[in-house]
Amino acid sequence: MLSRIKNTLARPWEAKRLSRRRHGFPLRPATRPHRCIFSPSSLDSFACHPVKLNSQQSLSLDLVRGISALVVLLHHYSGHIAAHRIFPNLGQEAVIVFFILSGFVISMVSQAKENTFSVFALKRVSRFYSVVPIAVLFILSVYVIQRLADLPTQGHHAILAKLLATFTFLNWNGWHSLFLPSASVFWSLTCEWWYYIMFALWVFIPNRKVSIIAILTCCLIVGLPTVMLAPIWLMGWFAYRTLNKRKITSTTAIFGIAISSGAAFMLWASNWRYTIFDLRGYFPVELSHANYAPYFWLLGVCFSVALVCGLTLLSGYEEKPTAPSRHFIRFLADGSFFLYLVHMPIMLLLSQVTTEPFPYAFPLATGVACLAFGRYVENLRKPLYKFLSHLASRKSEPPAQEMQRT
């Protein structure tokens, strides 16, 4: 009797079966429902079947990521370098796209290749620390050239503290900022880093109470503005879940793209961001980029819908893209991370030492140079991951095996 009660408690779905038997209802098959989860410690809220993107879907994500980096480049050129604004104000909207793509991709790889904590952590560390040190080196090189040439600089105080804050991703929490000269774009990198940590704490820690306490601790560290922008990143996870669990017809996908694109354009063109969606009009608190959080939330919903519908349409498109278009998209995407981090100081230095021969010359030169060099920088994550994996495997070996090897 005790073993029967124990088995019932250990298998909750069996309680319903026993209740149906007592009340005379026909029994259903006593099979446990299949659950595909990220890891054995994940909650059922993350349950979904893995999906593999075809070449068209993968290239479309790379294309969106590369275009978003170019939008940020042109936004900063128009707002800080050009004599007057000649490009629409779309910089932070492009960052919203980055957040959603990040949540989508992390949800996908966490279910497939990075379904253990060690692999997930090493992949994220190698991804960031293969690019950030070289980007910081570029930023400091530009700063030294500006100082030696007696050119105007930005944020030249407390360089050592800013270096430490940059490498630990504690350089922005909404109320204080410790950015290196002309490196204010690192605020979004800090957000993504802590979103990765909180995601891993939720997915890979078996004890739910411990994971919740750890996530709340992270929220206290990163501050309220970063937490307020977290739903945008989670929209990427929700988009991936929807793509896996919902069957969307082509007609519905086309209507979804049209409606979401139209709604996003109306939000951007209405200028509501600075009126009804500005939280400073309701609360006497400065939240930095999160001042317009409601506006970003609605934009995130629009882009998430467009992302799911677009990938749904491409799921049935099996024709492979041509080699030139494939190489161009890969070139654009492979260096987009490095371009995003270092474009501003390079453009600023160009504007200080020479005159622009024609409009958009500075962003054109900066974009081509950063993309060409950045693809090699971003490829360093592979050897860095192998090195970190080797170190982790050495430390996890029992002492007897390690002595036998030596």
Protein backbone atom coordinates (compact mmCIF):
# COMPACT_ATOMS: atom_id res chain seq x y z
CA MET A 1 0.00 0.00 0.00
CA LEU A 2 2.80 2.40 0.92
CA SER A 3 4.65 1.63 -2.30
CA ARG A 4 1.47 2.31 -4.28
CA ILE A 5 1.02 5.70 -2.60
CA LYS A 6 4.69 6.49 -3.18
CA ASN A 7 4.42 5.63 -6.86
CA THR A 8 1.29 7.78 -7.17
CA LEU A 9 3.01 10.75 -5.60
CA ALA A 10 6.08 10.26 -7.75
CA ARG A 11 3.94 10.04 -10.89
CA PRO A 12 1.16 12.63 -10.66
CA TRP A 13 -0.45 11.59 -13.94
CA GLU A 14 -1.20 8.17 -12.37
CA ALA A 15 -3.57 9.79 -9.79
CA LYS A 16 -6.00 10.78 -12.53
CA ARG A 17 -5.92 7.23 -13.90
CA LEU A 18 -6.79 5.73 -10.49
CA SER A 19 -9.58 8.27 -9.99
CA ARG A 20 -11.14 7.35 -13.34
CA ARG A 21 -10.97 3.67 -12.37
CA ARG A 22 -12.78 4.28 -9.06
CA HIS A 23 -15.59 6.23 -10.76
CA GLY A 24 -16.10 3.71 -13.55
CA PHE A 25 -14.76 5.80 -16.44
CA PRO A 26 -12.83 4.09 -19.26
CA LEU A 27 -9.07 4.09 -18.71
CA ARG A 28 -6.69 5.94 -20.95
CA PRO A 29 -3.31 4.46 -21.93
CA ALA A 30 -0.96 4.61 -18.95
CA THR A 31 1.85 6.27 -20.85
CA ARG A 32 3.78 9.18 -19.52
CA PRO A 33 3.46 12.26 -21.74
CA HIS A 34 6.59 13.01 -23.71
CA ARG A 35 8.40 16.13 -22.62
CA CYS A 36 11.29 17.59 -24.51
CA ILE A 37 13.09 19.95 -22.18
CA PHE A 38 16.27 21.97 -22.14
CA SER A 39 17.78 19.98 -19.28
CA PRO A 40 16.60 17.61 -16.56
CA SER A 41 16.24 20.56 -14.20
CA SER A 42 14.12 22.73 -16.48
CA LEU A 43 10.51 23.54 -15.79
CA ASP A 44 7.76 22.48 -18.14
CA SER A 45 7.30 26.13 -19.18
CA PHE A 46 10.39 25.70 -21.35
CA ALA A 47 9.17 22.47 -22.92
CA CYS A 48 9.14 22.35 -26.69
CA HIS A 49 10.33 20.15 -29.50
CA PRO A 50 13.65 21.17 -31.07
CA VAL A 51 13.55 22.66 -34.53
CA LYS A 52 16.29 22.84 -37.09
CA LEU A 53 16.37 25.91 -39.30
CA ASN A 54 16.94 25.42 -42.99
CA SER A 55 19.50 27.45 -44.93
CA GLN A 56 17.00 30.15 -45.88
CA GLN A 57 15.88 30.65 -42.28
CA SER A 58 19.43 30.73 -40.97
CA LEU A 59 20.53 33.25 -43.59
CA SER A 60 17.50 35.43 -42.89
CA LEU A 61 18.49 35.68 -39.21
CA ASP A 62 22.05 36.56 -40.23
CA LEU A 63 20.75 39.18 -42.63
CA VAL A 64 18.57 40.81 -39.98
CA ARG A 65 21.49 40.84 -37.54
CA GLY A 66 23.84 42.42 -40.07
CA ILE A 67 21.32 45.04 -41.17
CA SER A 68 20.64 45.96 -37.52
CA ALA A 69 24.36 46.58 -36.97
CA LEU A 70 24.46 48.81 -40.06
CA VAL A 71 21.41 50.72 -38.81
CA VAL A 72 23.22 51.47 -35.53
CA LEU A 73 26.28 52.58 -37.52
CA LEU A 74 24.23 54.99 -39.66
CA HIS A 75 22.27 56.19 -36.64
CA HIS A 76 25.43 57.22 -34.79
CA TYR A 77 26.90 58.77 -37.92
CA SER A 78 23.80 60.84 -38.50
CA GLY A 79 23.46 61.90 -34.88
CA HIS A 80 27.10 62.56 -33.95
CA ILE A 81 29.25 62.95 -37.08
CA ALA A 82 27.12 64.43 -39.87
CA ALA A 83 26.31 68.14 -39.88
CA HIS A 84 22.60 67.36 -39.66
CA ARG A 85 20.51 64.22 -39.27
CA ILE A 86 20.29 62.47 -42.62
CA PHE A 87 19.23 59.03 -41.36
CA PRO A 88 16.11 58.14 -39.36
CA ASN A 89 16.40 57.78 -35.60
CA LEU A 90 16.38 53.97 -35.46
CA GLY A 91 19.38 53.14 -33.27
CA GLN A 92 17.59 51.84 -30.19
CA GLU A 93 14.99 50.09 -32.33
CA ALA A 94 17.86 48.11 -33.89
CA VAL A 95 19.06 47.19 -30.39
CA ILE A 96 15.57 45.85 -29.64
CA VAL A 97 15.97 43.60 -32.68
CA PHE A 98 19.32 42.42 -31.29
CA PHE A 99 17.70 41.51 -27.97
CA ILE A 100 14.94 39.46 -29.58
CA LEU A 101 17.33 37.66 -31.93
CA SER A 102 19.56 36.90 -28.95
CA GLY A 103 16.69 35.40 -26.95
CA PHE A 104 15.58 33.37 -29.97
CA VAL A 105 19.03 31.97 -30.75
CA ILE A 106 19.89 31.23 -27.11
CA SER A 107 16.62 29.34 -26.70
CA MET A 108 17.41 27.32 -29.82
CA VAL A 109 21.01 26.40 -29.00
CA SER A 110 20.20 25.67 -25.35
CA GLN A 111 17.88 22.94 -26.50
CA ALA A 112 20.24 21.48 -29.07
CA LYS A 113 24.01 21.91 -28.76
CA GLU A 114 24.28 23.74 -25.45
CA ASN A 115 21.92 21.70 -23.29
CA THR A 116 24.30 21.40 -20.33
CA PHE A 117 25.46 24.16 -18.04
CA SER A 118 29.16 23.66 -18.76
CA VAL A 119 28.77 23.82 -22.53
CA PHE A 120 26.36 26.75 -22.33
CA ALA A 121 28.64 28.74 -20.02
CA LEU A 122 31.80 28.07 -22.02
CA LYS A 123 30.09 28.97 -25.29
CA ARG A 124 28.81 32.29 -23.90
CA VAL A 125 32.17 33.16 -22.33
CA SER A 126 34.09 32.35 -25.52
CA ARG A 127 31.58 34.32 -27.58
CA PHE A 128 32.01 37.48 -25.52
CA TYR A 129 35.65 37.32 -24.49
CA SER A 130 36.88 36.53 -27.98
CA VAL A 131 35.62 39.90 -29.22
CA VAL A 132 35.44 42.27 -26.25
CA PRO A 133 39.20 42.40 -25.44
CA ILE A 134 40.14 43.17 -29.04
CA ALA A 135 37.35 45.75 -29.29
CA VAL A 136 38.59 47.38 -26.07
CA LEU A 137 42.11 47.41 -27.52
CA PHE A 138 40.83 49.23 -30.60
CA ILE A 139 38.92 51.73 -28.47
CA LEU A 140 41.94 52.46 -26.28
CA SER A 141 44.19 52.79 -29.35
CA VAL A 142 41.89 55.43 -30.77
CA TYR A 143 41.85 57.14 -27.38
CA VAL A 144 45.67 57.22 -27.20
CA ILE A 145 45.90 58.65 -30.72
CA GLN A 146 43.42 61.36 -29.79
CA ARG A 147 45.35 62.24 -26.64
CA LEU A 148 48.71 62.33 -28.44
CA ALA A 149 47.30 64.49 -31.23
CA ASP A 150 45.53 66.75 -28.70
CA LEU A 151 42.13 65.93 -30.18
CA PRO A 152 38.85 66.13 -28.24
CA THR A 153 38.01 62.95 -26.33
CA GLN A 154 34.99 61.64 -24.48
CA GLY A 155 34.96 59.96 -21.08
CA HIS A 156 38.69 60.18 -20.42
CA HIS A 157 38.40 59.98 -16.62
CA ALA A 158 38.87 56.83 -14.49
CA ILE A 159 40.05 54.64 -17.36
CA LEU A 160 41.16 51.76 -15.10
CA ALA A 161 37.80 51.64 -13.32
CA LYS A 162 36.02 51.67 -16.66
CA LEU A 163 38.22 48.84 -17.93
CA LEU A 164 37.37 46.72 -14.91
CA ALA A 165 33.67 47.52 -15.25
CA THR A 166 33.75 46.69 -18.96
CA PHE A 167 35.35 43.27 -18.55
CA THR A 168 33.04 42.34 -15.67
CA PHE A 169 29.94 43.74 -17.44
CA LEU A 170 29.13 46.04 -14.54
CA ASN A 171 29.53 49.26 -16.52
CA TRP A 172 25.82 50.12 -16.69
CA ASN A 173 22.84 49.59 -14.47
CA GLY A 174 20.66 52.51 -15.50
CA TRP A 175 21.76 54.91 -12.78
CA HIS A 176 25.52 54.89 -13.24
CA SER A 177 27.59 54.30 -16.36
CA LEU A 178 31.31 53.54 -16.65
CA PHE A 179 31.89 53.49 -20.38
CA LEU A 180 35.21 53.71 -22.14
CA PRO A 181 35.65 56.70 -24.50
CA SER A 182 33.04 56.56 -27.30
CA ALA A 183 31.89 53.11 -26.16
CA SER A 184 28.40 53.77 -24.84
CA VAL A 185 27.04 50.87 -26.96
CA PHE A 186 28.37 48.51 -24.30
CA TRP A 187 25.19 49.10 -22.30
CA SER A 188 23.33 46.59 -24.47
CA LEU A 189 26.19 44.11 -24.18
CA THR A 190 25.93 44.33 -20.40
CA CYS A 191 22.21 43.64 -20.59
CA GLU A 192 22.69 40.57 -22.76
CA TRP A 193 25.43 39.18 -20.53
CA TRP A 194 23.20 39.29 -17.46
CA TYR A 195 20.23 37.93 -19.40
CA TYR A 196 22.39 34.92 -20.29
CA ILE A 197 23.28 34.43 -16.64
CA MET A 198 19.68 34.67 -15.44
CA PHE A 199 18.51 32.33 -18.21
CA ALA A 200 21.13 29.75 -17.21
CA LEU A 201 20.19 30.08 -13.54
CA TRP A 202 16.56 29.38 -14.36
CA VAL A 203 17.17 26.50 -16.74
CA PHE A 204 20.10 24.58 -15.28
CA ILE A 205 19.72 24.83 -11.50
CA PRO A 206 17.61 21.89 -10.20
CA ASN A 207 16.51 23.61 -6.99
CA ARG A 208 13.90 26.15 -8.04
CA LYS A 209 14.13 28.17 -4.83
CA VAL A 210 17.88 28.55 -5.24
CA SER A 211 17.50 29.62 -8.86
CA ILE A 212 14.87 32.23 -7.97
CA ILE A 213 17.04 33.65 -5.20
CA ALA A 214 20.04 33.77 -7.56
CA ILE A 215 18.01 35.53 -10.26
CA LEU A 216 16.70 38.09 -7.77
CA THR A 217 20.29 38.73 -6.68
CA CYS A 218 21.25 39.36 -10.29
CA CYS A 219 18.33 41.76 -10.63
CA LEU A 220 19.62 43.74 -7.65
CA ILE A 221 23.08 43.89 -9.23
CA VAL A 222 22.00 45.00 -12.70
CA GLY A 223 19.35 47.48 -11.58
CA LEU A 224 15.75 48.23 -12.47
CA PRO A 225 16.31 49.52 -16.06
CA THR A 226 17.98 46.27 -17.14
CA VAL A 227 15.18 44.26 -15.54
CA MET A 228 12.55 46.38 -17.30
CA LEU A 229 14.14 45.62 -20.67
CA ALA A 230 14.35 41.87 -19.95
CA PRO A 231 10.83 41.12 -21.32
CA ILE A 232 12.11 42.14 -24.75
CA TRP A 233 14.80 39.46 -24.59
CA LEU A 234 12.24 36.94 -23.37
CA MET A 235 10.11 37.71 -26.42
CA GLY A 236 12.81 35.95 -28.42
CA TRP A 237 12.32 32.83 -26.31
CA PHE A 238 8.55 33.12 -26.75
CA ALA A 239 8.99 33.48 -30.52
CA TYR A 240 11.03 30.27 -30.60
CA ARG A 241 8.44 28.47 -28.47
CA THR A 242 5.64 29.68 -30.75
CA LEU A 243 7.53 28.58 -33.84
CA ASN A 244 7.82 25.08 -32.36
CA LYS A 245 4.38 24.62 -30.85
CA ARG A 246 2.01 26.47 -33.15
CA LYS A 247 1.12 25.53 -36.70
CA ILE A 248 0.77 28.72 -38.70
CA THR A 249 -0.54 28.70 -42.25
CA SER A 250 1.09 30.71 -45.01
CA THR A 251 -1.89 33.03 -45.27
CA THR A 252 -1.82 33.73 -41.55
CA ALA A 253 1.93 34.33 -41.71
CA ILE A 254 1.54 36.87 -44.53
CA PHE A 255 -1.17 38.74 -42.64
CA GLY A 256 0.95 38.60 -39.47
CA ILE A 257 3.93 40.17 -41.23
CA ALA A 258 1.79 42.89 -42.78
CA ILE A 259 -0.03 43.77 -39.56
CA SER A 260 3.05 43.68 -37.32
CA SER A 261 5.14 45.71 -39.77
CA GLY A 262 2.39 48.31 -40.14
CA ALA A 263 1.93 48.54 -36.37
CA ALA A 264 5.68 48.94 -35.81
CA PHE A 265 5.89 51.71 -38.40
CA MET A 266 2.91 53.52 -36.88
CA LEU A 267 4.49 53.32 -33.42
CA TRP A 268 7.76 54.71 -34.69
CA ALA A 269 6.20 57.45 -36.82
CA SER A 270 3.64 58.53 -34.20
CA ASN A 271 6.31 59.96 -31.88
CA TRP A 272 4.42 58.42 -28.95
CA ARG A 273 7.75 57.25 -27.62
CA TYR A 274 8.42 60.75 -26.28
CA THR A 275 4.88 61.44 -25.10
CA ILE A 276 2.56 58.77 -23.72
CA PHE A 277 5.25 56.06 -23.54
CA ASP A 278 7.80 58.19 -21.68
CA LEU A 279 7.78 56.95 -18.08
CA ARG A 280 9.32 60.19 -16.83
CA GLY A 281 5.93 61.78 -17.32
CA TYR A 282 4.43 59.42 -14.75
CA PHE A 283 7.29 58.68 -12.32
CA PRO A 284 9.98 61.11 -11.14
CA VAL A 285 12.74 58.55 -11.80
CA GLU A 286 15.45 58.55 -14.45
CA LEU A 287 15.68 55.08 -16.02
CA SER A 288 18.08 55.82 -18.89
CA HIS A 289 17.19 53.62 -21.89
CA ALA A 290 14.27 52.11 -19.98
CA ASN A 291 12.48 55.47 -19.90
CA TYR A 292 10.68 54.32 -23.04
CA ALA A 293 10.16 50.71 -21.94
CA PRO A 294 6.46 50.50 -22.95
CA TYR A 295 7.34 51.67 -26.44
CA PHE A 296 10.10 49.06 -26.68
CA TRP A 297 7.78 46.34 -25.37
CA LEU A 298 5.22 47.03 -28.10
CA LEU A 299 7.93 47.15 -30.74
CA GLY A 300 9.26 43.87 -29.43
CA VAL A 301 5.85 42.26 -29.81
CA CYS A 302 5.62 43.50 -33.39
CA PHE A 303 9.05 42.21 -34.33
CA SER A 304 8.48 38.87 -32.58
CA VAL A 305 5.30 38.33 -34.59
CA ALA A 306 7.09 39.28 -37.80
CA LEU A 307 9.98 36.95 -36.91
CA VAL A 308 7.75 33.94 -36.32
CA CYS A 309 5.67 34.58 -39.43
CA GLY A 310 8.73 35.18 -41.60
CA LEU A 311 10.45 32.00 -40.47
CA THR A 312 7.19 30.11 -41.01
CA LEU A 313 7.07 31.23 -44.63
CA LEU A 314 10.70 30.28 -45.16
CA SER A 315 10.23 26.85 -43.60
CA GLY A 316 8.75 25.50 -46.82
CA TYR A 317 11.27 27.21 -49.08
CA GLU A 318 13.89 24.55 -49.82
CA GLU A 319 15.73 26.24 -52.67
CA LYS A 320 19.24 27.18 -51.58
CA PRO A 321 20.36 30.78 -52.06
CA THR A 322 22.95 31.62 -54.64
CA ALA A 323 26.61 31.58 -53.66
CA PRO A 324 27.16 35.38 -54.02
CA SER A 325 24.18 36.25 -51.85
CA ARG A 326 25.15 33.63 -49.28
CA HIS A 327 28.74 34.92 -49.08
CA PHE A 328 27.58 38.53 -48.78
CA ILE A 329 25.16 37.76 -45.95
CA ARG A 330 27.80 35.74 -44.11
CA PHE A 331 30.30 38.57 -44.55
CA LEU A 332 27.75 41.02 -43.19
CA ALA A 333 26.82 38.88 -40.20
CA ASP A 334 30.20 37.44 -39.21
CA GLY A 335 31.66 40.84 -38.37
CA SER A 336 28.51 42.57 -37.12
CA PHE A 337 29.36 42.10 -33.42
CA PHE A 338 32.79 43.69 -33.79
CA LEU A 339 31.35 46.44 -36.00
CA TYR A 340 28.73 47.23 -33.38
CA LEU A 341 31.33 47.68 -30.64
CA VAL A 342 34.06 49.73 -32.36
CA HIS A 343 32.37 51.76 -35.10
CA MET A 344 31.83 54.93 -33.07
CA PRO A 345 35.43 55.71 -31.97
CA ILE A 346 36.74 54.93 -35.47
CA MET A 347 34.23 57.23 -37.15
CA LEU A 348 34.91 59.92 -34.59
CA LEU A 349 38.65 59.73 -35.23
CA LEU A 350 38.13 59.91 -39.00
CA SER A 351 35.98 63.02 -38.61
CA GLN A 352 38.69 64.67 -36.49
CA VAL A 353 41.67 64.02 -38.76
CA THR A 354 40.13 64.50 -42.21
CA THR A 355 37.16 65.89 -44.05
CA GLU A 356 34.49 63.72 -45.55
CA PRO A 357 34.85 63.59 -49.37
CA PHE A 358 31.20 62.65 -49.91
CA PRO A 359 28.17 61.89 -47.72
CA TYR A 360 28.31 58.57 -45.90
CA ALA A 361 32.03 58.17 -46.67
CA PHE A 362 32.94 57.71 -43.00
CA PRO A 363 30.36 55.01 -42.23
CA LEU A 364 31.17 53.28 -45.52
CA ALA A 365 34.90 53.11 -44.77
CA THR A 366 34.28 52.16 -41.14
CA GLY A 367 31.74 49.48 -42.01
CA VAL A 368 33.88 47.78 -44.66
CA ALA A 369 37.01 47.82 -42.48
CA CYS A 370 35.25 46.56 -39.36
CA LEU A 371 33.38 43.82 -41.19
CA ALA A 372 36.52 42.63 -42.99
CA PHE A 373 38.56 42.50 -39.79
CA GLY A 374 35.71 41.55 -37.48
CA ARG A 375 34.97 38.23 -39.16
CA TYR A 376 38.46 37.02 -38.18
CA VAL A 377 38.07 38.38 -34.66
CA GLU A 378 34.74 36.63 -34.14
CA ASN A 379 36.17 33.34 -35.42
CA LEU A 380 38.51 33.35 -32.41
CA ARG A 381 35.64 32.06 -30.30
CA LYS A 382 36.20 28.54 -31.65
CA PRO A 383 39.82 28.11 -30.46
CA LEU A 384 38.96 29.94 -27.24
CA TYR A 385 36.11 27.52 -26.60
CA LYS A 386 38.40 24.55 -27.22
CA PHE A 387 40.97 25.98 -24.84
CA LEU A 388 38.41 26.62 -22.11
CA SER A 389 36.89 23.18 -22.60
CA HIS A 390 40.33 21.63 -22.25
CA LEU A 391 40.93 23.53 -19.01
CA ALA A 392 37.54 22.52 -17.66
CA SER A 393 38.11 18.85 -18.52
CA ARG A 394 41.55 18.92 -16.86
CA LYS A 395 40.12 20.35 -13.65
CA SER A 396 37.27 17.83 -13.60
CA GLU A 397 39.60 14.82 -13.89
CA PRO A 398 40.20 12.75 -10.74
CA PRO A 399 43.69 13.20 -9.25
CA ALA A 400 44.63 9.57 -9.93
CA GLN A 401 43.93 9.89 -13.67
CA GLU A 402 45.82 13.18 -13.84
CA MET A 403 48.87 11.67 -12.12
CA GLN A 404 48.75 8.65 -14.40
CA ARG A 405 48.71 10.90 -17.45
CA THR A 406 51.71 12.89 -16.22
